[in-house]
């Protein structure tokens, strides 16, 4: 239910913000709003707004795919609000490096739930590295997707120029791995055991 609630709230807020620039401006991560006005809520609210319908759909589809599974894991480990706590923490953790690097840059803005979605996907990969994940229409093992994702994100983060916050994707992925292992340390040896036993579809 938490996964579906996050998707519902994010879709409603994002769709309204597509037509309401003031709402978009009030929620997006804009460094001066934190440093001058102490609007720290933006470290979370930026994940409720998206650049366009495609951005929103991709994030929410990925969240639906992996979130339902990970919600069960974090509920078992932390209680009914475990997954929501994980998700909010992922939003903050994934964007902090970008905020700190741009805290004096009034021209910087960031939006979208991609960092938190990356955290969920990588948490899922820790539990099921050989599950099938689709890269557009190409099926591949989740662990291969993870490798390609990291390589691509590192390359694009260094290259820049595409208006995508690849740094948030990487920090979100790291958060997903670390938080999952912290909640259940047995996940790490199990993951290492699983990846040593390749499985074909």
Protein backbone atom coordinates (compact mmCIF):
# COMPACT_ATOMS: atom_id res chain seq x y z
CA UNK A 1 0.00 0.00 0.00
CA UNK A 2 2.84 2.44 0.76
CA UNK A 3 4.28 1.93 -2.74
CA UNK A 4 0.94 2.66 -4.37
CA UNK A 5 0.41 5.68 -2.11
CA UNK A 6 3.81 7.13 -3.07
CA UNK A 7 3.02 6.59 -6.76
CA UNK A 8 -0.43 8.19 -6.41
CA UNK A 9 0.81 11.27 -4.55
CA UNK A 10 3.78 11.73 -6.89
CA UNK A 11 1.63 11.42 -10.02
CA UNK A 12 -1.01 13.85 -8.73
CA UNK A 13 1.53 16.47 -7.62
CA UNK A 14 3.64 16.12 -10.78
CA UNK A 15 0.64 16.40 -13.13
CA UNK A 16 -0.64 19.49 -11.31
CA UNK A 17 2.85 21.02 -11.38
CA UNK A 18 3.07 20.49 -15.16
CA UNK A 19 0.44 23.24 -15.44
CA UNK A 20 1.25 25.21 -12.30
CA UNK A 21 4.67 26.83 -12.44
CA UNK A 22 4.31 28.31 -8.97
CA UNK A 23 3.81 24.87 -7.45
CA UNK A 24 6.80 23.58 -9.42
CA UNK A 25 8.94 26.47 -8.16
CA UNK A 26 7.82 25.86 -4.57
CA UNK A 27 8.76 22.16 -4.59
CA UNK A 28 11.82 21.88 -6.82
CA UNK A 29 15.30 21.73 -5.28
CA UNK A 30 16.71 25.25 -5.61
CA UNK A 31 19.77 25.84 -3.38
CA UNK A 32 19.07 29.50 -2.46
CA UNK A 33 15.70 28.47 -1.02
CA UNK A 34 17.51 26.29 1.51
CA UNK A 35 20.41 28.60 2.33
CA UNK A 36 18.39 31.84 2.46
CA UNK A 37 14.90 30.74 3.48
CA UNK A 38 15.65 27.46 5.29
CA UNK A 39 13.15 25.58 3.11
CA UNK A 40 14.70 22.22 3.93
CA UNK A 41 11.52 20.39 2.91
CA UNK A 42 12.77 20.78 -0.66
CA UNK A 43 15.29 17.98 0.02
CA UNK A 44 12.23 15.70 -0.16
CA UNK A 45 9.62 17.64 -2.14
CA UNK A 46 11.80 17.77 -5.27
CA UNK A 47 10.98 14.07 -5.68
CA UNK A 48 7.29 14.87 -6.11
CA UNK A 49 7.76 16.86 -9.31
CA UNK A 50 9.08 15.75 -12.69
CA UNK A 51 10.26 17.35 -15.91
CA UNK A 52 7.62 15.77 -18.15
CA UNK A 53 5.28 12.80 -18.55
CA UNK A 54 8.02 10.46 -19.76
CA UNK A 55 10.21 11.26 -16.76
CA UNK A 56 7.29 10.65 -14.43
CA UNK A 57 6.18 7.41 -16.12
CA UNK A 58 9.64 5.83 -16.13
CA UNK A 59 10.23 6.58 -12.46
CA UNK A 60 6.80 5.42 -11.32
CA UNK A 61 6.89 2.27 -13.46
CA UNK A 62 10.27 1.33 -11.98
CA UNK A 63 9.01 2.14 -8.49
CA UNK A 64 5.97 -0.11 -9.00
CA UNK A 65 8.13 -2.96 -10.31
CA UNK A 66 10.61 -3.10 -7.44
CA UNK A 67 8.82 -1.15 -4.72
CA UNK A 68 6.17 -3.79 -4.01
CA UNK A 69 8.88 -6.36 -3.26
CA UNK A 70 11.09 -4.04 -1.24
CA UNK A 71 8.14 -2.72 0.74
CA UNK A 72 7.69 -6.20 2.18
CA UNK A 73 11.38 -6.40 3.08
CA UNK A 74 11.51 -3.05 4.87
CA UNK A 75 8.16 -3.56 6.57
CA UNK A 76 9.47 -6.82 8.03
CA UNK A 77 12.71 -5.14 9.11
CA UNK A 78 11.38 -1.80 10.39
CA UNK A 79 7.62 -1.96 10.80
CA UNK A 80 4.68 -0.48 8.83
CA UNK A 81 6.47 2.75 7.90
CA UNK A 82 9.78 1.09 7.11
CA UNK A 83 9.52 1.48 3.35
CA UNK A 84 8.39 5.10 3.58
CA UNK A 85 11.33 5.84 5.88
CA UNK A 86 13.69 4.18 3.40
CA UNK A 87 12.19 6.13 0.48
CA UNK A 88 12.37 9.54 2.17
CA UNK A 89 15.92 8.81 3.32
CA UNK A 90 16.84 7.89 -0.26
CA UNK A 91 15.50 11.21 -1.56
CA UNK A 92 17.60 13.16 0.93
CA UNK A 93 20.76 11.03 0.69
CA UNK A 94 20.82 10.97 -3.10
CA UNK A 95 20.45 14.73 -3.54
CA UNK A 96 22.70 16.00 -0.72
CA UNK A 97 25.98 15.78 -2.69
CA UNK A 98 24.42 17.73 -5.57
CA UNK A 99 23.00 20.33 -3.20
CA UNK A 100 26.32 20.77 -1.36
CA UNK A 101 28.21 21.11 -4.64
CA UNK A 102 25.75 23.73 -5.90
CA UNK A 103 24.65 25.46 -2.70
CA UNK A 104 25.92 28.83 -4.00
CA UNK A 105 24.63 28.29 -7.53
CA UNK A 106 21.37 30.19 -7.95
CA UNK A 107 20.96 28.76 -11.44
CA UNK A 108 20.90 25.14 -10.26
CA UNK A 109 17.66 23.17 -10.03
CA UNK A 110 16.93 19.47 -9.62
CA UNK A 111 13.71 17.48 -9.64
CA UNK A 112 12.39 13.95 -9.90
CA UNK A 113 12.35 10.75 -7.86
CA UNK A 114 15.15 9.08 -9.84
CA UNK A 115 17.61 8.96 -6.94
CA UNK A 116 15.10 7.23 -4.66
CA UNK A 117 14.02 4.89 -7.46
CA UNK A 118 17.68 3.96 -8.01
CA UNK A 119 17.91 3.14 -4.30
CA UNK A 120 14.91 0.83 -4.56
CA UNK A 121 16.20 -0.89 -7.69
CA UNK A 122 19.62 -1.55 -6.17
CA UNK A 123 18.07 -2.77 -2.93
CA UNK A 124 16.03 -5.17 -5.06
CA UNK A 125 19.15 -6.27 -6.95
CA UNK A 126 20.83 -7.10 -3.65
CA UNK A 127 18.01 -9.55 -2.93
CA UNK A 128 17.53 -10.96 -6.40
CA UNK A 129 20.54 -10.29 -8.67
CA UNK A 130 19.48 -12.75 -11.38
CA UNK A 131 15.92 -11.50 -11.77
CA UNK A 132 14.99 -10.26 -15.23
CA UNK A 133 15.02 -6.48 -15.76
CA UNK A 134 14.14 -4.80 -19.03
CA UNK A 135 16.37 -2.06 -20.41
CA UNK A 136 13.80 -0.44 -22.69
CA UNK A 137 12.78 -3.73 -24.41
CA UNK A 138 15.94 -5.77 -23.84
CA UNK A 139 15.74 -8.33 -21.00
CA UNK A 140 18.84 -8.83 -18.89
CA UNK A 141 19.85 -10.09 -15.44
CA UNK A 142 19.42 -7.45 -12.75
CA UNK A 143 23.12 -7.63 -11.84
CA UNK A 144 24.12 -6.84 -15.44
CA UNK A 145 21.67 -3.94 -15.46
CA UNK A 146 23.33 -2.66 -12.26
CA UNK A 147 26.79 -2.76 -13.83
CA UNK A 148 25.65 -0.99 -17.00
CA UNK A 149 23.74 1.56 -14.93
CA UNK A 150 26.77 2.47 -12.82
CA UNK A 151 29.16 2.64 -15.79
CA UNK A 152 26.74 4.81 -17.78
CA UNK A 153 25.96 7.09 -14.83
CA UNK A 154 29.64 7.64 -13.98
CA UNK A 155 30.43 8.41 -17.63
CA UNK A 156 27.50 10.81 -18.06
CA UNK A 157 28.14 12.49 -14.71
CA UNK A 158 31.68 13.33 -15.82
CA UNK A 159 30.58 14.30 -19.32
CA UNK A 160 27.55 16.38 -18.27
CA UNK A 161 25.47 18.47 -20.62
CA UNK A 162 22.25 16.42 -20.66
CA UNK A 163 20.42 18.11 -17.74
CA UNK A 164 20.14 14.78 -15.89
CA UNK A 165 21.40 14.47 -12.32
CA UNK A 166 23.44 11.28 -12.73
CA UNK A 167 25.15 11.95 -9.41
CA UNK A 168 21.80 11.50 -7.62
CA UNK A 169 21.33 8.17 -9.42
CA UNK A 170 24.71 6.93 -8.18
CA UNK A 171 24.27 8.13 -4.60
CA UNK A 172 20.77 6.68 -4.55
CA UNK A 173 22.09 3.31 -5.71
CA UNK A 174 24.75 3.37 -2.98
CA UNK A 175 22.14 4.25 -0.37
CA UNK A 176 19.95 1.34 -1.50
CA UNK A 177 22.78 -1.13 -1.07
CA UNK A 178 24.04 0.22 2.27
CA UNK A 179 20.61 0.61 3.85
CA UNK A 180 19.50 -2.87 2.81
CA UNK A 181 22.63 -4.50 4.21
CA UNK A 182 22.33 -2.44 7.41
CA UNK A 183 18.77 -3.66 7.93
CA UNK A 184 19.74 -7.29 7.34
CA UNK A 185 23.50 -8.04 7.24
CA UNK A 186 22.76 -11.57 5.99
CA UNK A 187 21.78 -9.99 2.65
CA UNK A 188 25.43 -9.39 1.69
CA UNK A 189 26.80 -12.96 1.97
CA UNK A 190 23.61 -14.24 0.33
CA UNK A 191 24.09 -11.77 -2.54
CA UNK A 192 27.72 -12.82 -3.01
CA UNK A 193 26.66 -16.46 -3.02
CA UNK A 194 23.95 -15.80 -5.60
CA UNK A 195 26.15 -13.91 -8.05
CA UNK A 196 28.69 -16.73 -7.92
CA UNK A 197 26.00 -19.01 -9.35
CA UNK A 198 24.93 -17.48 -12.69
CA UNK A 199 21.40 -18.29 -13.79
CA UNK A 200 20.16 -18.30 -17.37
CA UNK A 201 16.65 -17.25 -18.21
